């Protein structure tokens, strides 16, 4: 597996290195030692999944407030989506900047998003399923969010959403 830096310090694209034969393929999607050798301390404590019935479903932008900040490794197991991380670290030179890329069952890539970032995505296909490995337990009282179209971030979504949850539409303007 190959870890690739992005323009946002700490956010990594994880590219598997598949080993194929007549049966199909095998590829590592996470290795604690590989992350540690890249200076990333990430040990998943929780696994979650998101199933999205229709294409152009949008979820996010979500994060957990400190001290419950969570790092996550996000991968699509079925379908495809555009995945986004937004830097919410006030002291960061990329504060309020975003990075996005297509994750799909076909490309098998993952996105590592450290604590201090918001996360969101829009699906490209019906029945897109997303798997998350997360290093912190969910703390409902620490849950925060911002609208996907908040001008503070100016995210260029490649597909206009058709399904957005009520909670995601109700987030206030980002103050930071």
N, C-alpha and C. Protein backbone atom coordinates (compact mmCIF):
# COMPACT_ATOMS: atom_id res chain seq x y z
N UNK A 1 0.85 -1.17 0.00
CA UNK A 1 0.00 0.00 0.00
C UNK A 1 0.90 1.23 0.00
N UNK A 2 0.43 2.24 -0.71
CA UNK A 2 1.21 3.47 -0.87
C UNK A 2 0.43 4.62 -0.25
N UNK A 3 1.10 5.40 0.59
CA UNK A 3 0.50 6.59 1.20
C UNK A 3 1.00 7.81 0.43
N UNK A 4 0.06 8.61 -0.08
CA UNK A 4 0.42 9.80 -0.86
C UNK A 4 -0.05 11.05 -0.13
N UNK A 5 0.83 12.02 -0.02
CA UNK A 5 0.48 13.29 0.60
C UNK A 5 -0.50 14.05 -0.30
N UNK A 6 -1.27 14.95 0.30
CA UNK A 6 -2.17 15.83 -0.43
C UNK A 6 -1.78 17.27 -0.08
N UNK A 7 -2.41 18.26 -0.68
CA UNK A 7 -2.10 19.65 -0.31
C UNK A 7 -2.45 20.01 1.14
N UNK A 8 -3.23 19.16 1.82
CA UNK A 8 -3.59 19.41 3.21
C UNK A 8 -2.75 18.51 4.10
N UNK A 9 -1.87 19.09 4.89
CA UNK A 9 -0.98 18.31 5.75
C UNK A 9 -1.76 17.33 6.61
N UNK A 10 -1.39 16.08 6.55
CA UNK A 10 -2.02 15.04 7.34
C UNK A 10 -3.06 14.22 6.59
N UNK A 11 -3.68 14.80 5.57
CA UNK A 11 -4.64 14.07 4.76
C UNK A 11 -3.85 13.25 3.74
N UNK A 12 -4.15 11.96 3.66
CA UNK A 12 -3.40 11.05 2.80
C UNK A 12 -4.32 10.26 1.89
N UNK A 13 -3.88 10.07 0.66
CA UNK A 13 -4.53 9.13 -0.25
C UNK A 13 -3.84 7.80 -0.05
N UNK A 14 -4.61 6.76 0.15
CA UNK A 14 -4.06 5.42 0.35
C UNK A 14 -4.37 4.60 -0.89
N UNK A 15 -3.31 4.20 -1.58
CA UNK A 15 -3.46 3.41 -2.81
C UNK A 15 -3.03 1.97 -2.51
N UNK A 16 -3.93 1.04 -2.71
CA UNK A 16 -3.54 -0.36 -2.50
C UNK A 16 -2.62 -0.84 -3.62
N UNK A 17 -1.86 -1.85 -3.32
CA UNK A 17 -1.02 -2.50 -4.32
C UNK A 17 -1.55 -3.92 -4.47
N UNK A 18 -2.51 -4.12 -5.37
CA UNK A 18 -3.15 -5.43 -5.48
C UNK A 18 -2.19 -6.50 -6.01
N UNK A 19 -2.35 -7.68 -5.45
CA UNK A 19 -1.64 -8.87 -5.94
C UNK A 19 -2.71 -9.75 -6.57
N UNK A 20 -2.65 -9.89 -7.88
CA UNK A 20 -3.69 -10.59 -8.62
C UNK A 20 -3.21 -11.95 -9.12
N UNK A 21 -4.16 -12.86 -9.19
CA UNK A 21 -3.93 -14.15 -9.82
C UNK A 21 -5.26 -14.65 -10.38
N UNK A 22 -5.34 -15.89 -10.73
CA UNK A 22 -6.55 -16.43 -11.37
C UNK A 22 -7.78 -16.36 -10.47
N UNK A 23 -7.60 -16.22 -9.17
CA UNK A 23 -8.73 -16.15 -8.23
C UNK A 23 -9.31 -14.76 -8.12
N UNK A 24 -8.51 -13.76 -8.44
CA UNK A 24 -8.91 -12.36 -8.25
C UNK A 24 -7.74 -11.57 -7.73
N UNK A 25 -7.91 -10.88 -6.62
CA UNK A 25 -6.80 -10.10 -6.08
C UNK A 25 -6.87 -10.01 -4.57
N UNK A 26 -5.75 -9.62 -4.00
CA UNK A 26 -5.62 -9.35 -2.57
C UNK A 26 -4.87 -8.05 -2.45
N UNK A 27 -5.33 -7.17 -1.55
CA UNK A 27 -4.64 -5.90 -1.34
C UNK A 27 -4.84 -5.46 0.11
N UNK A 28 -3.79 -4.98 0.70
CA UNK A 28 -3.86 -4.43 2.06
C UNK A 28 -4.51 -3.05 1.97
N UNK A 29 -5.45 -2.76 2.86
CA UNK A 29 -6.10 -1.46 2.87
C UNK A 29 -5.71 -0.63 4.10
N UNK A 30 -5.10 -1.27 5.08
CA UNK A 30 -4.59 -0.56 6.26
C UNK A 30 -3.49 -1.41 6.88
N UNK A 31 -2.43 -0.75 7.31
CA UNK A 31 -1.35 -1.39 8.04
C UNK A 31 -0.81 -0.37 9.04
N UNK A 32 -0.93 -0.69 10.31
CA UNK A 32 -0.48 0.24 11.35
C UNK A 32 0.99 0.58 11.18
N UNK A 33 1.82 -0.41 10.84
CA UNK A 33 3.26 -0.16 10.67
C UNK A 33 3.53 0.80 9.51
N UNK A 34 2.80 0.66 8.41
CA UNK A 34 2.99 1.55 7.27
C UNK A 34 2.62 2.98 7.65
N UNK A 35 1.50 3.14 8.35
CA UNK A 35 1.10 4.47 8.80
C UNK A 35 2.14 5.03 9.77
N UNK A 36 2.59 4.22 10.72
CA UNK A 36 3.57 4.68 11.70
C UNK A 36 4.88 5.09 11.03
N UNK A 37 5.31 4.35 10.00
CA UNK A 37 6.55 4.70 9.31
C UNK A 37 6.42 6.02 8.55
N UNK A 38 5.16 6.43 8.29
CA UNK A 38 4.91 7.73 7.65
C UNK A 38 4.65 8.82 8.69
N UNK A 39 4.82 8.47 9.98
CA UNK A 39 4.62 9.44 11.04
C UNK A 39 3.17 9.63 11.45
N UNK A 40 2.31 8.69 11.10
CA UNK A 40 0.88 8.79 11.41
C UNK A 40 0.51 7.77 12.47
N UNK A 41 0.04 8.26 13.61
CA UNK A 41 -0.41 7.39 14.69
C UNK A 41 -1.91 7.17 14.51
N UNK A 42 -2.29 6.05 13.92
CA UNK A 42 -3.70 5.77 13.65
C UNK A 42 -3.98 4.30 13.96
N UNK A 43 -4.81 4.10 14.98
CA UNK A 43 -5.24 2.75 15.35
C UNK A 43 -6.76 2.76 15.42
N UNK A 44 -7.43 2.14 14.45
CA UNK A 44 -8.89 2.13 14.46
C UNK A 44 -9.45 1.44 15.71
N UNK A 45 -10.49 2.06 16.27
CA UNK A 45 -11.20 1.51 17.41
C UNK A 45 -12.64 1.16 17.04
N UNK A 46 -13.09 1.66 15.91
CA UNK A 46 -14.49 1.50 15.52
C UNK A 46 -14.57 1.39 14.00
N UNK A 47 -15.49 0.58 13.52
CA UNK A 47 -15.76 0.46 12.09
C UNK A 47 -17.22 0.85 11.88
N UNK A 48 -17.48 1.63 10.84
CA UNK A 48 -18.83 2.05 10.52
C UNK A 48 -19.06 1.95 9.03
N UNK A 49 -20.32 1.96 8.64
CA UNK A 49 -20.67 1.91 7.22
C UNK A 49 -21.78 2.89 6.94
N UNK A 50 -21.81 3.38 5.72
CA UNK A 50 -22.85 4.29 5.26
C UNK A 50 -23.36 3.73 3.94
N UNK A 51 -24.66 3.46 3.88
CA UNK A 51 -25.28 2.99 2.64
C UNK A 51 -26.13 4.13 2.09
N UNK A 52 -25.96 4.41 0.82
CA UNK A 52 -26.61 5.55 0.18
C UNK A 52 -27.41 5.06 -1.02
N UNK A 53 -28.73 5.08 -0.92
CA UNK A 53 -29.60 4.47 -1.93
C UNK A 53 -29.46 5.07 -3.32
N UNK A 54 -29.40 6.39 -3.40
CA UNK A 54 -29.44 7.00 -4.73
C UNK A 54 -28.19 7.83 -5.01
N UNK A 55 -27.88 7.89 -6.29
CA UNK A 55 -26.76 8.73 -6.74
C UNK A 55 -27.05 10.18 -6.37
N UNK A 56 -25.98 10.90 -6.09
CA UNK A 56 -26.02 12.31 -5.72
C UNK A 56 -26.61 12.54 -4.34
N UNK A 57 -26.42 11.53 -3.47
CA UNK A 57 -26.71 11.72 -2.05
C UNK A 57 -25.50 12.41 -1.44
N UNK A 58 -25.75 13.44 -0.65
CA UNK A 58 -24.67 14.17 -0.01
C UNK A 58 -24.76 14.01 1.49
N UNK A 59 -23.62 13.71 2.09
CA UNK A 59 -23.51 13.64 3.56
C UNK A 59 -22.37 14.56 3.97
N UNK A 60 -22.63 15.37 5.00
CA UNK A 60 -21.57 16.22 5.52
C UNK A 60 -21.94 17.67 5.38
N UNK A 61 -21.09 18.42 5.88
CA UNK A 61 -19.73 18.24 6.40
C UNK A 61 -19.81 17.98 7.90
N UNK A 62 -19.10 16.96 8.38
CA UNK A 62 -19.17 16.55 9.78
C UNK A 62 -17.79 16.47 10.42
N UNK A 63 -17.76 16.68 11.74
CA UNK A 63 -16.56 16.45 12.54
C UNK A 63 -16.98 16.34 13.99
N UNK A 64 -16.06 15.90 14.83
CA UNK A 64 -16.27 15.89 16.28
C UNK A 64 -15.33 16.91 16.90
N UNK A 65 -15.88 17.72 17.79
CA UNK A 65 -15.10 18.76 18.46
C UNK A 65 -14.13 18.13 19.46
N UNK A 66 -12.95 18.75 19.62
CA UNK A 66 -11.97 18.30 20.61
C UNK A 66 -12.59 18.34 22.00
N UNK A 67 -12.27 17.46 22.86
CA UNK A 67 -11.21 16.46 22.77
C UNK A 67 -11.65 15.14 22.14
N UNK A 68 -12.77 15.15 21.42
CA UNK A 68 -13.29 13.93 20.81
C UNK A 68 -13.01 13.86 19.32
N UNK A 69 -12.07 14.67 18.85
CA UNK A 69 -11.73 14.67 17.43
C UNK A 69 -11.39 13.27 16.96
N UNK A 70 -11.80 12.95 15.75
CA UNK A 70 -11.58 11.60 15.24
C UNK A 70 -10.82 11.62 13.93
N UNK A 71 -9.92 10.67 13.80
CA UNK A 71 -9.26 10.41 12.52
C UNK A 71 -10.01 9.26 11.89
N UNK A 72 -10.10 9.27 10.57
CA UNK A 72 -10.83 8.19 9.90
C UNK A 72 -10.18 7.84 8.58
N UNK A 73 -10.31 6.58 8.24
CA UNK A 73 -9.88 6.04 6.97
C UNK A 73 -11.15 5.65 6.22
N UNK A 74 -11.41 6.29 5.09
CA UNK A 74 -12.67 6.16 4.37
C UNK A 74 -12.43 5.42 3.05
N UNK A 75 -13.29 4.42 2.78
CA UNK A 75 -13.14 3.62 1.56
C UNK A 75 -14.51 3.24 1.05
N UNK A 76 -14.68 3.23 -0.26
CA UNK A 76 -15.93 2.81 -0.89
C UNK A 76 -15.85 1.32 -1.18
N UNK A 77 -16.85 0.58 -0.71
CA UNK A 77 -16.89 -0.87 -0.95
C UNK A 77 -17.85 -1.23 -2.08
N UNK A 78 -18.71 -0.28 -2.44
CA UNK A 78 -19.66 -0.49 -3.54
C UNK A 78 -20.02 0.89 -4.09
N UNK A 79 -19.95 1.04 -5.41
CA UNK A 79 -20.31 2.31 -6.03
C UNK A 79 -19.15 3.27 -6.12
N UNK A 80 -19.46 4.57 -6.07
CA UNK A 80 -18.44 5.61 -6.22
C UNK A 80 -18.94 6.91 -5.61
N UNK A 81 -17.98 7.75 -5.18
CA UNK A 81 -18.32 9.04 -4.59
C UNK A 81 -17.16 10.01 -4.73
N UNK A 82 -17.45 11.28 -4.49
CA UNK A 82 -16.44 12.32 -4.38
C UNK A 82 -16.31 12.61 -2.90
N UNK A 83 -15.14 12.37 -2.34
CA UNK A 83 -14.90 12.49 -0.91
C UNK A 83 -14.11 13.77 -0.64
N UNK A 84 -14.48 14.47 0.44
CA UNK A 84 -13.88 15.78 0.73
C UNK A 84 -13.44 15.86 2.19
N UNK A 85 -12.25 16.43 2.39
CA UNK A 85 -11.75 16.79 3.72
C UNK A 85 -11.53 18.30 3.73
N UNK A 86 -11.94 18.94 4.83
CA UNK A 86 -11.78 20.39 4.99
C UNK A 86 -10.97 20.65 6.25
N UNK A 87 -9.90 21.41 6.11
CA UNK A 87 -9.01 21.71 7.23
C UNK A 87 -9.67 22.73 8.17
N UNK A 88 -9.92 22.32 9.40
CA UNK A 88 -10.53 23.20 10.40
C UNK A 88 -9.56 23.56 11.53
N UNK A 89 -8.27 23.37 11.29
CA UNK A 89 -7.26 23.69 12.30
C UNK A 89 -6.89 25.18 12.16
N UNK A 90 -7.33 26.04 13.09
CA UNK A 90 -7.12 27.49 12.94
C UNK A 90 -5.67 27.89 12.72
N UNK A 91 -4.72 27.16 13.28
CA UNK A 91 -3.31 27.53 13.13
C UNK A 91 -2.67 26.97 11.86
N UNK A 92 -3.42 26.25 11.07
CA UNK A 92 -2.89 25.62 9.85
C UNK A 92 -2.80 26.62 8.70
N UNK A 93 -1.75 26.54 7.88
CA UNK A 93 -1.68 27.42 6.70
C UNK A 93 -2.75 27.09 5.66
N UNK A 94 -3.39 25.92 5.79
CA UNK A 94 -4.46 25.56 4.85
C UNK A 94 -5.84 25.60 5.51
N UNK A 95 -5.95 26.38 6.58
CA UNK A 95 -7.23 26.52 7.30
C UNK A 95 -8.35 26.88 6.32
N UNK A 96 -9.44 26.14 6.39
CA UNK A 96 -10.65 26.29 5.58
C UNK A 96 -10.45 25.87 4.12
N UNK A 97 -9.31 25.31 3.79
CA UNK A 97 -9.09 24.77 2.44
C UNK A 97 -9.60 23.33 2.41
N UNK A 98 -9.89 22.85 1.21
CA UNK A 98 -10.43 21.50 1.08
C UNK A 98 -9.65 20.71 0.03
N UNK A 99 -9.77 19.40 0.16
CA UNK A 99 -9.21 18.46 -0.80
C UNK A 99 -10.27 17.42 -1.07
N UNK A 100 -10.44 17.07 -2.34
CA UNK A 100 -11.41 16.04 -2.69
C UNK A 100 -10.89 15.15 -3.79
N UNK A 101 -11.39 13.92 -3.81
CA UNK A 101 -11.06 12.98 -4.88
C UNK A 101 -12.13 11.92 -4.97
N UNK A 102 -12.15 11.23 -6.11
CA UNK A 102 -13.10 10.15 -6.30
C UNK A 102 -12.58 8.88 -5.64
N UNK A 103 -13.42 8.31 -4.81
CA UNK A 103 -13.18 6.99 -4.24
C UNK A 103 -14.24 6.07 -4.83
N UNK A 104 -13.83 4.87 -5.21
CA UNK A 104 -14.79 3.94 -5.79
C UNK A 104 -14.40 2.51 -5.46
N UNK A 105 -15.37 1.63 -5.59
CA UNK A 105 -15.07 0.20 -5.42
C UNK A 105 -14.06 -0.23 -6.48
N UNK A 106 -14.12 0.40 -7.63
CA UNK A 106 -13.22 0.03 -8.72
C UNK A 106 -11.78 0.49 -8.47
N UNK A 107 -11.58 1.73 -8.01
CA UNK A 107 -10.19 2.20 -7.82
C UNK A 107 -9.61 1.77 -6.48
N UNK A 108 -10.46 1.32 -5.55
CA UNK A 108 -10.04 0.76 -4.26
C UNK A 108 -9.19 1.69 -3.40
N UNK A 109 -9.16 2.98 -3.72
CA UNK A 109 -8.38 3.92 -2.92
C UNK A 109 -9.15 4.27 -1.65
N UNK A 110 -8.41 4.78 -0.67
CA UNK A 110 -8.98 5.27 0.57
C UNK A 110 -8.45 6.68 0.81
N UNK A 111 -9.17 7.41 1.67
CA UNK A 111 -8.71 8.72 2.08
C UNK A 111 -8.58 8.69 3.60
N UNK A 112 -7.38 9.05 4.09
CA UNK A 112 -7.15 9.18 5.53
C UNK A 112 -7.37 10.64 5.90
N UNK A 113 -8.26 10.86 6.86
CA UNK A 113 -8.61 12.21 7.30
C UNK A 113 -8.30 12.30 8.80
N UNK A 114 -7.31 13.11 9.18
CA UNK A 114 -6.97 13.21 10.61
C UNK A 114 -7.98 14.04 11.39
N UNK A 115 -7.89 13.97 12.70
CA UNK A 115 -8.69 14.84 13.57
C UNK A 115 -8.40 16.28 13.20
N UNK A 116 -9.40 17.14 13.35
CA UNK A 116 -9.24 18.55 13.00
C UNK A 116 -9.73 18.88 11.61
N UNK A 117 -10.34 17.91 10.95
CA UNK A 117 -10.88 18.11 9.61
C UNK A 117 -12.36 17.77 9.58
N UNK A 118 -13.11 18.49 8.75
CA UNK A 118 -14.49 18.11 8.46
C UNK A 118 -14.45 17.12 7.30
N UNK A 119 -15.51 16.31 7.20
CA UNK A 119 -15.59 15.30 6.16
C UNK A 119 -16.98 15.32 5.54
N UNK A 120 -17.03 15.14 4.24
CA UNK A 120 -18.29 15.02 3.54
C UNK A 120 -18.09 14.34 2.20
N UNK A 121 -19.19 13.92 1.60
CA UNK A 121 -19.10 13.29 0.27
C UNK A 121 -20.42 13.40 -0.46
N UNK A 122 -20.34 13.25 -1.78
CA UNK A 122 -21.52 13.12 -2.63
C UNK A 122 -21.31 11.87 -3.47
N UNK A 123 -22.36 11.05 -3.56
CA UNK A 123 -22.24 9.79 -4.29
C UNK A 123 -22.44 10.01 -5.79
N UNK A 124 -21.81 9.16 -6.58
CA UNK A 124 -21.96 9.19 -8.03
C UNK A 124 -22.89 8.09 -8.53
N UNK A 125 -23.09 7.05 -7.72
CA UNK A 125 -23.87 5.89 -8.16
C UNK A 125 -24.91 5.53 -7.11
N UNK A 126 -26.00 4.93 -7.59
CA UNK A 126 -26.98 4.35 -6.67
C UNK A 126 -26.30 3.27 -5.84
N UNK A 127 -26.81 3.07 -4.64
CA UNK A 127 -26.36 2.01 -3.74
C UNK A 127 -24.86 2.05 -3.46
N UNK A 128 -24.35 3.25 -3.23
CA UNK A 128 -22.95 3.41 -2.85
C UNK A 128 -22.82 3.12 -1.35
N UNK A 129 -21.86 2.27 -1.03
CA UNK A 129 -21.61 1.92 0.37
C UNK A 129 -20.20 2.34 0.74
N UNK A 130 -20.09 2.95 1.92
CA UNK A 130 -18.83 3.53 2.39
C UNK A 130 -18.46 2.87 3.71
N UNK A 131 -17.19 2.47 3.83
CA UNK A 131 -16.68 1.88 5.07
C UNK A 131 -15.72 2.86 5.72
N UNK A 132 -15.86 3.01 7.03
CA UNK A 132 -15.02 3.92 7.81
C UNK A 132 -14.30 3.12 8.89
N UNK A 133 -13.01 3.35 9.03
CA UNK A 133 -12.25 2.90 10.20
C UNK A 133 -11.95 4.17 10.98
N UNK A 134 -12.34 4.20 12.26
CA UNK A 134 -12.29 5.43 13.06
C UNK A 134 -11.52 5.16 14.35
N UNK A 135 -10.70 6.13 14.77
CA UNK A 135 -9.84 5.91 15.94
C UNK A 135 -10.42 6.36 17.27
N UNK A 136 -11.65 6.89 17.27
CA UNK A 136 -12.26 7.41 18.48
C UNK A 136 -13.73 7.00 18.53
N UNK A 137 -14.21 6.73 19.71
CA UNK A 137 -15.63 6.40 19.85
C UNK A 137 -16.49 7.60 19.50
N UNK A 138 -17.65 7.34 18.94
CA UNK A 138 -18.60 8.39 18.61
C UNK A 138 -19.08 9.06 19.89
N UNK A 139 -19.03 10.39 19.89
CA UNK A 139 -19.48 11.19 21.04
C UNK A 139 -20.54 12.15 20.52
N UNK A 140 -21.83 11.79 20.60
CA UNK A 140 -22.89 12.61 20.01
C UNK A 140 -22.84 14.09 20.42
N UNK A 141 -22.51 14.37 21.67
CA UNK A 141 -22.48 15.76 22.13
C UNK A 141 -21.35 16.57 21.48
N UNK A 142 -20.34 15.89 20.94
CA UNK A 142 -19.22 16.57 20.29
C UNK A 142 -19.43 16.72 18.78
N UNK A 143 -20.52 16.16 18.25
CA UNK A 143 -20.78 16.23 16.82
C UNK A 143 -21.04 17.64 16.35
N UNK A 144 -20.37 18.02 15.29
CA UNK A 144 -20.52 19.35 14.70
C UNK A 144 -20.68 19.19 13.20
N UNK A 145 -21.08 20.29 12.55
CA UNK A 145 -21.23 20.24 11.11
C UNK A 145 -21.29 21.62 10.50
N UNK A 146 -21.16 21.63 9.19
CA UNK A 146 -21.30 22.84 8.38
C UNK A 146 -21.98 22.44 7.09
N UNK A 147 -22.68 23.36 6.49
CA UNK A 147 -23.35 23.06 5.23
C UNK A 147 -22.33 22.75 4.13
N UNK A 148 -22.72 21.85 3.27
CA UNK A 148 -21.85 21.45 2.15
C UNK A 148 -21.57 22.62 1.22
N UNK A 149 -22.46 23.60 1.18
CA UNK A 149 -22.31 24.75 0.29
C UNK A 149 -21.90 26.03 1.03
N UNK A 150 -21.32 25.87 2.20
CA UNK A 150 -20.91 27.03 3.00
C UNK A 150 -19.84 27.82 2.23
N UNK A 151 -20.06 29.12 2.02
CA UNK A 151 -19.08 29.91 1.27
C UNK A 151 -17.72 30.02 1.96
N UNK A 152 -17.64 29.71 3.25
CA UNK A 152 -16.35 29.75 3.95
C UNK A 152 -15.37 28.75 3.35
N UNK A 153 -15.89 27.70 2.70
CA UNK A 153 -15.03 26.65 2.14
C UNK A 153 -15.02 26.66 0.61
N UNK A 154 -16.08 27.11 -0.01
CA UNK A 154 -16.19 27.19 -1.47
C UNK A 154 -15.81 25.87 -2.14
N UNK A 155 -16.39 24.78 -1.67
CA UNK A 155 -16.11 23.47 -2.25
C UNK A 155 -16.75 23.37 -3.63
N UNK A 156 -16.00 22.89 -4.58
CA UNK A 156 -16.52 22.64 -5.92
C UNK A 156 -16.94 21.18 -6.00
N UNK A 157 -18.22 20.92 -5.78
CA UNK A 157 -18.74 19.56 -5.84
C UNK A 157 -18.94 19.19 -7.31
N UNK A 158 -18.49 18.03 -7.75
CA UNK A 158 -18.61 17.65 -9.16
C UNK A 158 -20.01 17.21 -9.57
N UNK A 159 -20.91 17.03 -8.60
CA UNK A 159 -22.29 16.65 -8.89
C UNK A 159 -23.19 17.38 -7.90
N UNK A 160 -24.23 18.02 -8.42
CA UNK A 160 -25.17 18.71 -7.54
C UNK A 160 -25.96 17.67 -6.75
N UNK A 161 -26.06 17.82 -5.44
CA UNK A 161 -26.79 16.83 -4.66
C UNK A 161 -28.29 16.88 -4.94
N UNK A 162 -28.92 15.70 -4.87
CA UNK A 162 -30.38 15.63 -4.96
C UNK A 162 -30.98 15.15 -3.64
N UNK A 163 -30.18 14.49 -2.81
CA UNK A 163 -30.63 14.05 -1.49
C UNK A 163 -29.64 14.57 -0.46
N UNK A 164 -30.15 15.39 0.47
CA UNK A 164 -29.35 15.90 1.58
C UNK A 164 -30.24 15.80 2.81
N UNK A 165 -29.71 15.25 3.88
CA UNK A 165 -30.48 15.10 5.11
C UNK A 165 -30.86 16.44 5.71
N UNK A 166 -31.99 16.44 6.44
CA UNK A 166 -32.46 17.68 7.08
C UNK A 166 -31.42 18.27 8.02
N UNK A 167 -30.76 17.41 8.76
CA UNK A 167 -29.75 17.90 9.71
C UNK A 167 -28.61 18.60 8.96
N UNK A 168 -28.19 18.01 7.82
CA UNK A 168 -27.10 18.62 7.07
C UNK A 168 -27.50 19.94 6.43
N UNK A 169 -28.77 20.11 6.11
CA UNK A 169 -29.25 21.38 5.56
C UNK A 169 -29.42 22.45 6.63
N UNK A 170 -29.52 22.02 7.89
CA UNK A 170 -29.79 22.96 8.98
C UNK A 170 -28.55 23.50 9.68
N UNK A 171 -27.36 23.03 9.32
CA UNK A 171 -26.16 23.52 9.99
C UNK A 171 -26.04 25.02 9.78
N UNK A 172 -25.61 25.76 10.80
CA UNK A 172 -25.43 27.21 10.65
C UNK A 172 -24.18 27.51 9.83
N UNK A 173 -24.03 28.76 9.42
CA UNK A 173 -22.82 29.17 8.71
C UNK A 173 -21.61 28.90 9.59
N UNK A 174 -20.52 28.50 8.96
CA UNK A 174 -19.30 28.20 9.71
C UNK A 174 -18.75 29.47 10.34
N UNK A 175 -18.44 29.38 11.62
CA UNK A 175 -17.82 30.50 12.33
C UNK A 175 -16.45 30.06 12.78
N UNK A 176 -15.45 30.62 12.22
CA UNK A 176 -14.11 30.21 12.61
C UNK A 176 -13.07 31.11 12.10
